[in-house]
């Protein structure tokens, strides 16, 4: 099984491509959020929560260990 994400939507023309400058800096996800806020907001929200929790736990673990 291969995950293709939004490839079919892009190639069929259902969703327009992000501008080249947004693609170049890796912000295509932001463009899609503006195009489809209802669809993307919940998914992106939980991704950000997971990311920040992981960073917090990693930093907490890193700095709680003794240096000796």
PDB file of N, CA and C in Angstrom:
ATOM      1  N   UNK A   1       0.844  -1.173   0.000  1.00  0.00           N
ATOM      2  CA  UNK A   1       0.000   0.000   0.000  1.00  0.00           C
ATOM      3  C   UNK A   1       0.893   1.240   0.000  1.00  0.00           C
ATOM      4  N   UNK A   2       0.560   2.196  -0.837  1.00  0.00           N
ATOM      5  CA  UNK A   2       1.365   3.399  -0.957  1.00  0.00           C
ATOM      6  C   UNK A   2       0.493   4.599  -0.622  1.00  0.00           C
ATOM      7  N   UNK A   3       0.979   5.454   0.263  1.00  0.00           N
ATOM      8  CA  UNK A   3       0.256   6.681   0.593  1.00  0.00           C
ATOM      9  C   UNK A   3       0.584   7.767  -0.412  1.00  0.00           C
ATOM     10  N   UNK A   4      -0.417   8.304  -1.050  1.00  0.00           N
ATOM     11  CA  UNK A   4      -0.175   9.328  -2.056  1.00  0.00           C
ATOM     12  C   UNK A   4      -0.629  10.709  -1.601  1.00  0.00           C
ATOM     13  N   UNK A   5      -1.266  10.786  -0.432  1.00  0.00           N
ATOM     14  CA  UNK A   5      -1.685  12.084   0.083  1.00  0.00           C
ATOM     15  C   UNK A   5      -2.618  12.801  -0.868  1.00  0.00           C
ATOM     16  N   UNK A   6      -2.272  14.010  -1.201  1.00  0.00           N
ATOM     17  CA  UNK A   6      -3.120  14.846  -2.046  1.00  0.00           C
ATOM     18  C   UNK A   6      -2.710  14.807  -3.518  1.00  0.00           C
ATOM     19  N   UNK A   7      -1.883  13.841  -3.888  1.00  0.00           N
ATOM     20  CA  UNK A   7      -1.383  13.792  -5.266  1.00  0.00           C
ATOM     21  C   UNK A   7      -2.505  13.739  -6.290  1.00  0.00           C
ATOM     22  N   UNK A   8      -3.529  12.937  -6.019  1.00  0.00           N
ATOM     23  CA  UNK A   8      -4.633  12.839  -6.973  1.00  0.00           C
ATOM     24  C   UNK A   8      -5.382  14.163  -7.086  1.00  0.00           C
ATOM     25  N   UNK A   9      -5.563  14.845  -5.973  1.00  0.00           N
ATOM     26  CA  UNK A   9      -6.248  16.144  -6.004  1.00  0.00           C
ATOM     27  C   UNK A   9      -5.457  17.169  -6.802  1.00  0.00           C
ATOM     28  N   UNK A  10      -4.146  17.181  -6.619  1.00  0.00           N
ATOM     29  CA  UNK A  10      -3.312  18.134  -7.357  1.00  0.00           C
ATOM     30  C   UNK A  10      -3.304  17.847  -8.853  1.00  0.00           C
ATOM     31  N   UNK A  11      -3.076  16.604  -9.206  1.00  0.00           N
ATOM     32  CA  UNK A  11      -2.949  16.266 -10.625  1.00  0.00           C
ATOM     33  C   UNK A  11      -4.280  16.306 -11.372  1.00  0.00           C
ATOM     34  N   UNK A  12      -5.375  16.159 -10.657  1.00  0.00           N
ATOM     35  CA  UNK A  12      -6.674  16.275 -11.315  1.00  0.00           C
ATOM     36  C   UNK A  12      -7.120  17.732 -11.431  1.00  0.00           C
ATOM     37  N   UNK A  13      -6.452  18.612 -10.705  1.00  0.00           N
ATOM     38  CA  UNK A  13      -6.812  20.031 -10.764  1.00  0.00           C
ATOM     39  C   UNK A  13      -7.850  20.432  -9.730  1.00  0.00           C
ATOM     40  N   UNK A  14      -8.215  19.535  -8.824  1.00  0.00           N
ATOM     41  CA  UNK A  14      -9.216  19.842  -7.797  1.00  0.00           C
ATOM     42  C   UNK A  14      -8.677  20.857  -6.786  1.00  0.00           C
ATOM     43  N   UNK A  15      -7.376  20.785  -6.510  1.00  0.00           N
ATOM     44  CA  UNK A  15      -6.724  21.718  -5.581  1.00  0.00           C
ATOM     45  C   UNK A  15      -5.565  22.370  -6.313  1.00  0.00           C
ATOM     46  N   UNK A  16      -5.483  23.701  -6.299  1.00  0.00           N
ATOM     47  CA  UNK A  16      -4.362  24.350  -6.987  1.00  0.00           C
ATOM     48  C   UNK A  16      -3.055  24.178  -6.211  1.00  0.00           C
ATOM     49  N   UNK A  17      -1.953  24.185  -6.939  1.00  0.00           N
ATOM     50  CA  UNK A  17      -0.635  24.099  -6.317  1.00  0.00           C
ATOM     51  C   UNK A  17      -0.338  25.409  -5.591  1.00  0.00           C
ATOM     52  N   UNK A  18       0.437  25.333  -4.558  1.00  0.00           N
ATOM     53  CA  UNK A  18       0.886  26.536  -3.847  1.00  0.00           C
ATOM     54  C   UNK A  18       1.869  27.286  -4.749  1.00  0.00           C
ATOM     55  N   UNK A  19       2.006  28.593  -4.528  1.00  0.00           N
ATOM     56  CA  UNK A  19       3.009  29.339  -5.312  1.00  0.00           C
ATOM     57  C   UNK A  19       4.409  28.746  -5.123  1.00  0.00           C
ATOM     58  N   UNK A  20       5.232  28.900  -6.129  1.00  0.00           N
ATOM     59  CA  UNK A  20       6.571  28.304  -6.107  1.00  0.00           C
ATOM     60  C   UNK A  20       7.383  28.758  -4.901  1.00  0.00           C
ATOM     61  N   UNK A  21       7.254  30.027  -4.517  1.00  0.00           N
ATOM     62  CA  UNK A  21       8.050  30.518  -3.392  1.00  0.00           C
ATOM     63  C   UNK A  21       7.625  29.857  -2.081  1.00  0.00           C
ATOM     64  N   UNK A  22       6.341  29.535  -1.957  1.00  0.00           N
ATOM     65  CA  UNK A  22       5.880  28.831  -0.751  1.00  0.00           C
ATOM     66  C   UNK A  22       6.372  27.384  -0.760  1.00  0.00           C
ATOM     67  N   UNK A  23       6.395  26.768  -1.911  1.00  0.00           N
ATOM     68  CA  UNK A  23       6.910  25.409  -2.014  1.00  0.00           C
ATOM     69  C   UNK A  23       8.396  25.379  -1.671  1.00  0.00           C
ATOM     70  N   UNK A  24       9.124  26.403  -2.129  1.00  0.00           N
ATOM     71  CA  UNK A  24      10.570  26.443  -1.924  1.00  0.00           C
ATOM     72  C   UNK A  24      10.948  26.564  -0.448  1.00  0.00           C
ATOM     73  N   UNK A  25      10.119  27.240   0.351  1.00  0.00           N
ATOM     74  CA  UNK A  25      10.452  27.407   1.767  1.00  0.00           C
ATOM     75  C   UNK A  25       9.720  26.405   2.655  1.00  0.00           C
ATOM     76  N   UNK A  26       9.013  25.453   2.040  1.00  0.00           N
ATOM     77  CA  UNK A  26       8.368  24.390   2.797  1.00  0.00           C
ATOM     78  C   UNK A  26       7.102  24.806   3.521  1.00  0.00           C
ATOM     79  N   UNK A  27       6.395  25.805   2.995  1.00  0.00           N
ATOM     80  CA  UNK A  27       5.188  26.298   3.652  1.00  0.00           C
ATOM     81  C   UNK A  27       3.921  25.985   2.864  1.00  0.00           C
ATOM     82  N   UNK A  28       3.961  24.945   2.066  1.00  0.00           N
ATOM     83  CA  UNK A  28       2.789  24.572   1.285  1.00  0.00           C
ATOM     84  C   UNK A  28       1.624  24.184   2.202  1.00  0.00           C
ATOM     85  N   UNK A  29       1.932  23.634   3.372  1.00  0.00           N
ATOM     86  CA  UNK A  29       0.895  23.275   4.333  1.00  0.00           C
ATOM     87  C   UNK A  29       0.093  24.503   4.753  1.00  0.00           C
ATOM     88  N   UNK A  30       0.743  25.668   4.867  1.00  0.00           N
ATOM     89  CA  UNK A  30       0.054  26.896   5.244  1.00  0.00           C
ATOM     90  C   UNK A  30      -0.902  27.337   4.139  1.00  0.00           C
ATOM     91  N   UNK A  31      -0.482  27.206   2.913  1.00  0.00           N
ATOM     92  CA  UNK A  31      -1.342  27.524   1.762  1.00  0.00           C
ATOM     93  C   UNK A  31      -2.583  26.638   1.768  1.00  0.00           C
ATOM     94  N   UNK A  32      -2.383  25.343   2.035  1.00  0.00           N
ATOM     95  CA  UNK A  32      -3.523  24.422   2.076  1.00  0.00           C
ATOM     96  C   UNK A  32      -4.441  24.727   3.248  1.00  0.00           C
ATOM     97  N   UNK A  33      -3.881  25.205   4.360  1.00  0.00           N
ATOM     98  CA  UNK A  33      -4.700  25.587   5.507  1.00  0.00           C
ATOM     99  C   UNK A  33      -5.599  26.762   5.148  1.00  0.00           C
ATOM    100  N   UNK A  34      -5.087  27.725   4.400  1.00  0.00           N
ATOM    101  CA  UNK A  34      -5.913  28.854   3.978  1.00  0.00           C
ATOM    102  C   UNK A  34      -6.973  28.443   2.965  1.00  0.00           C
ATOM    103  N   UNK A  35      -6.646  27.468   2.107  1.00  0.00           N
ATOM    104  CA  UNK A  35      -7.617  27.017   1.109  1.00  0.00           C
ATOM    105  C   UNK A  35      -8.735  26.173   1.720  1.00  0.00           C
ATOM    106  N   UNK A  36      -8.390  25.321   2.673  1.00  0.00           N
ATOM    107  CA  UNK A  36      -9.355  24.382   3.247  1.00  0.00           C
ATOM    108  C   UNK A  36      -9.283  24.422   4.780  1.00  0.00           C
ATOM    109  N   UNK A  37      -9.685  25.535   5.401  1.00  0.00           N
ATOM    110  CA  UNK A  37      -9.509  25.651   6.856  1.00  0.00           C
ATOM    111  C   UNK A  37     -10.292  24.620   7.656  1.00  0.00           C
ATOM    112  N   UNK A  38     -11.512  24.326   7.284  1.00  0.00           N
ATOM    113  CA  UNK A  38     -12.307  23.354   8.047  1.00  0.00           C
ATOM    114  C   UNK A  38     -11.702  21.961   7.989  1.00  0.00           C
ATOM    115  N   UNK A  39     -11.212  21.587   6.844  1.00  0.00           N
ATOM    116  CA  UNK A  39     -10.648  20.264   6.665  1.00  0.00           C
ATOM    117  C   UNK A  39      -9.296  20.127   7.354  1.00  0.00           C
ATOM    118  N   UNK A  40      -8.491  21.144   7.298  1.00  0.00           N
ATOM    119  CA  UNK A  40      -7.103  21.057   7.764  1.00  0.00           C
ATOM    120  C   UNK A  40      -6.894  21.459   9.223  1.00  0.00           C
ATOM    121  N   UNK A  41      -7.722  22.325   9.767  1.00  0.00           N
ATOM    122  CA  UNK A  41      -7.460  22.910  11.077  1.00  0.00           C
ATOM    123  C   UNK A  41      -7.364  21.862  12.180  1.00  0.00           C
ATOM    124  N   UNK A  42      -8.293  20.943  12.243  1.00  0.00           N
ATOM    125  CA  UNK A  42      -8.262  19.931  13.303  1.00  0.00           C
ATOM    126  C   UNK A  42      -7.024  19.049  13.177  1.00  0.00           C
ATOM    127  N   UNK A  43      -6.725  18.619  11.964  1.00  0.00           N
ATOM    128  CA  UNK A  43      -5.564  17.755  11.754  1.00  0.00           C
ATOM    129  C   UNK A  43      -4.273  18.485  12.110  1.00  0.00           C
ATOM    130  N   UNK A  44      -4.114  19.711  11.664  1.00  0.00           N
ATOM    131  CA  UNK A  44      -2.898  20.465  11.947  1.00  0.00           C
ATOM    132  C   UNK A  44      -2.810  20.831  13.417  1.00  0.00           C
ATOM    133  N   UNK A  45      -3.946  21.101  14.055  1.00  0.00           N
ATOM    134  CA  UNK A  45      -3.950  21.440  15.469  1.00  0.00           C
ATOM    135  C   UNK A  45      -3.355  20.302  16.288  1.00  0.00           C
ATOM    136  N   UNK A  46      -3.823  19.083  16.059  1.00  0.00           N
ATOM    137  CA  UNK A  46      -3.313  17.951  16.824  1.00  0.00           C
ATOM    138  C   UNK A  46      -1.866  17.636  16.489  1.00  0.00           C
ATOM    139  N   UNK A  47      -1.449  17.909  15.271  1.00  0.00           N
ATOM    140  CA  UNK A  47      -0.040  17.712  14.915  1.00  0.00           C
ATOM    141  C   UNK A  47       0.845  18.683  15.690  1.00  0.00           C
ATOM    142  N   UNK A  48       0.398  19.946  15.802  1.00  0.00           N
ATOM    143  CA  UNK A  48       1.173  20.927  16.555  1.00  0.00           C
ATOM    144  C   UNK A  48       1.206  20.589  18.041  1.00  0.00           C
ATOM    145  N   UNK A  49       0.084  20.133  18.587  1.00  0.00           N
ATOM    146  CA  UNK A  49       0.052  19.732  19.991  1.00  0.00           C
ATOM    147  C   UNK A  49       1.057  18.604  20.229  1.00  0.00           C
ATOM    148  N   UNK A  50       1.049  17.600  19.373  1.00  0.00           N
ATOM    149  CA  UNK A  50       1.983  16.492  19.499  1.00  0.00           C
ATOM    150  C   UNK A  50       3.429  16.983  19.408  1.00  0.00           C
ATOM    151  N   UNK A  51       3.711  17.858  18.444  1.00  0.00           N
ATOM    152  CA  UNK A  51       5.069  18.355  18.256  1.00  0.00           C
ATOM    153  C   UNK A  51       5.550  19.109  19.495  1.00  0.00           C
ATOM    154  N   UNK A  52       4.724  20.027  20.021  1.00  0.00           N
ATOM    155  CA  UNK A  52       5.141  20.811  21.180  1.00  0.00           C
ATOM    156  C   UNK A  52       5.268  19.955  22.434  1.00  0.00           C
ATOM    157  N   UNK A  53       4.405  18.974  22.607  1.00  0.00           N
ATOM    158  CA  UNK A  53       4.539  18.063  23.744  1.00  0.00           C
ATOM    159  C   UNK A  53       5.820  17.249  23.637  1.00  0.00           C
ATOM    160  N   UNK A  54       6.151  16.806  22.451  1.00  0.00           N
ATOM    161  CA  UNK A  54       7.367  16.027  22.260  1.00  0.00           C
ATOM    162  C   UNK A  54       8.607  16.864  22.539  1.00  0.00           C
ATOM    163  N   UNK A  55       8.609  18.104  22.063  1.00  0.00           N
ATOM    164  CA  UNK A  55       9.744  18.999  22.322  1.00  0.00           C
ATOM    165  C   UNK A  55       9.873  19.266  23.813  1.00  0.00           C
ATOM    166  N   UNK A  56       8.753  19.540  24.482  1.00  0.00           N
ATOM    167  CA  UNK A  56       8.760  19.812  25.913  1.00  0.00           C
ATOM    168  C   UNK A  56       9.294  18.619  26.700  1.00  0.00           C
ATOM    169  N   UNK A  57       8.792  17.425  26.380  1.00  0.00           N
ATOM    170  CA  UNK A  57       9.243  16.229  27.095  1.00  0.00           C
ATOM    171  C   UNK A  57      10.718  15.947  26.818  1.00  0.00           C
ATOM    172  N   UNK A  58      11.158  16.167  25.598  1.00  0.00           N
ATOM    173  CA  UNK A  58      12.572  15.954  25.267  1.00  0.00           C
ATOM    174  C   UNK A  58      13.475  16.920  26.012  1.00  0.00           C
ATOM    175  N   UNK A  59      13.085  18.190  26.057  1.00  0.00           N
ATOM    176  CA  UNK A  59      13.887  19.177  26.786  1.00  0.00           C
ATOM    177  C   UNK A  59      13.875  18.905  28.281  1.00  0.00           C
ATOM    178  N   UNK A  60      12.727  18.532  28.792  1.00  0.00           N
ATOM    179  CA  UNK A  60      12.609  18.221  30.214  1.00  0.00           C
ATOM    180  C   UNK A  60      13.505  17.039  30.564  1.00  0.00           C
ATOM    181  N   UNK A  61      13.493  16.001  29.731  1.00  0.00           N
ATOM    182  CA  UNK A  61      14.338  14.836  29.960  1.00  0.00           C
ATOM    183  C   UNK A  61      15.811  15.212  29.853  1.00  0.00           C
ATOM    184  N   UNK A  62      16.143  16.017  28.845  1.00  0.00           N
ATOM    185  CA  UNK A  62      17.550  16.394  28.601  1.00  0.00           C
ATOM    186  C   UNK A  62      18.123  17.197  29.756  1.00  0.00           C
ATOM    187  N   UNK A  63      17.365  18.144  30.264  1.00  0.00           N
ATOM    188  CA  UNK A  63      17.888  19.028  31.298  1.00  0.00           C
ATOM    189  C   UNK A  63      17.667  18.489  32.711  1.00  0.00           C
ATOM    190  N   UNK A  64      16.917  17.432  32.868  1.00  0.00           N
ATOM    191  CA  UNK A  64      16.721  16.858  34.189  1.00  0.00           C
ATOM    192  C   UNK A  64      17.807  15.842  34.518  1.00  0.00           C
ATOM    193  N   UNK A  65      18.530  15.373  33.527  1.00  0.00           N
ATOM    194  CA  UNK A  65      19.612  14.407  33.759  1.00  0.00           C
ATOM    195  C   UNK A  65      20.816  15.105  34.367  1.00  0.00           C
ATOM    196  N   UNK A  66      21.475  14.410  35.233  1.00  0.00           N
ATOM    197  CA  UNK A  66      22.657  14.950  35.887  1.00  0.00           C
ATOM    198  C   UNK A  66      23.803  15.039  34.876  1.00  0.00           C
ATOM    199  N   UNK A  67      24.595  16.072  34.967  1.00  0.00           N
ATOM    200  CA  UNK A  67      25.733  16.260  34.043  1.00  0.00           C
ATOM    201  C   UNK A  67      26.937  15.402  34.432  1.00  0.00           C
ATOM    202  N   UNK A  68      26.909  14.748  35.590  1.00  0.00           N
ATOM    203  CA  UNK A  68      28.073  13.989  36.065  1.00  0.00           C
ATOM    204  C   UNK A  68      27.935  12.524  35.772  1.00  0.00           C
TER     205      UNK A  68
END
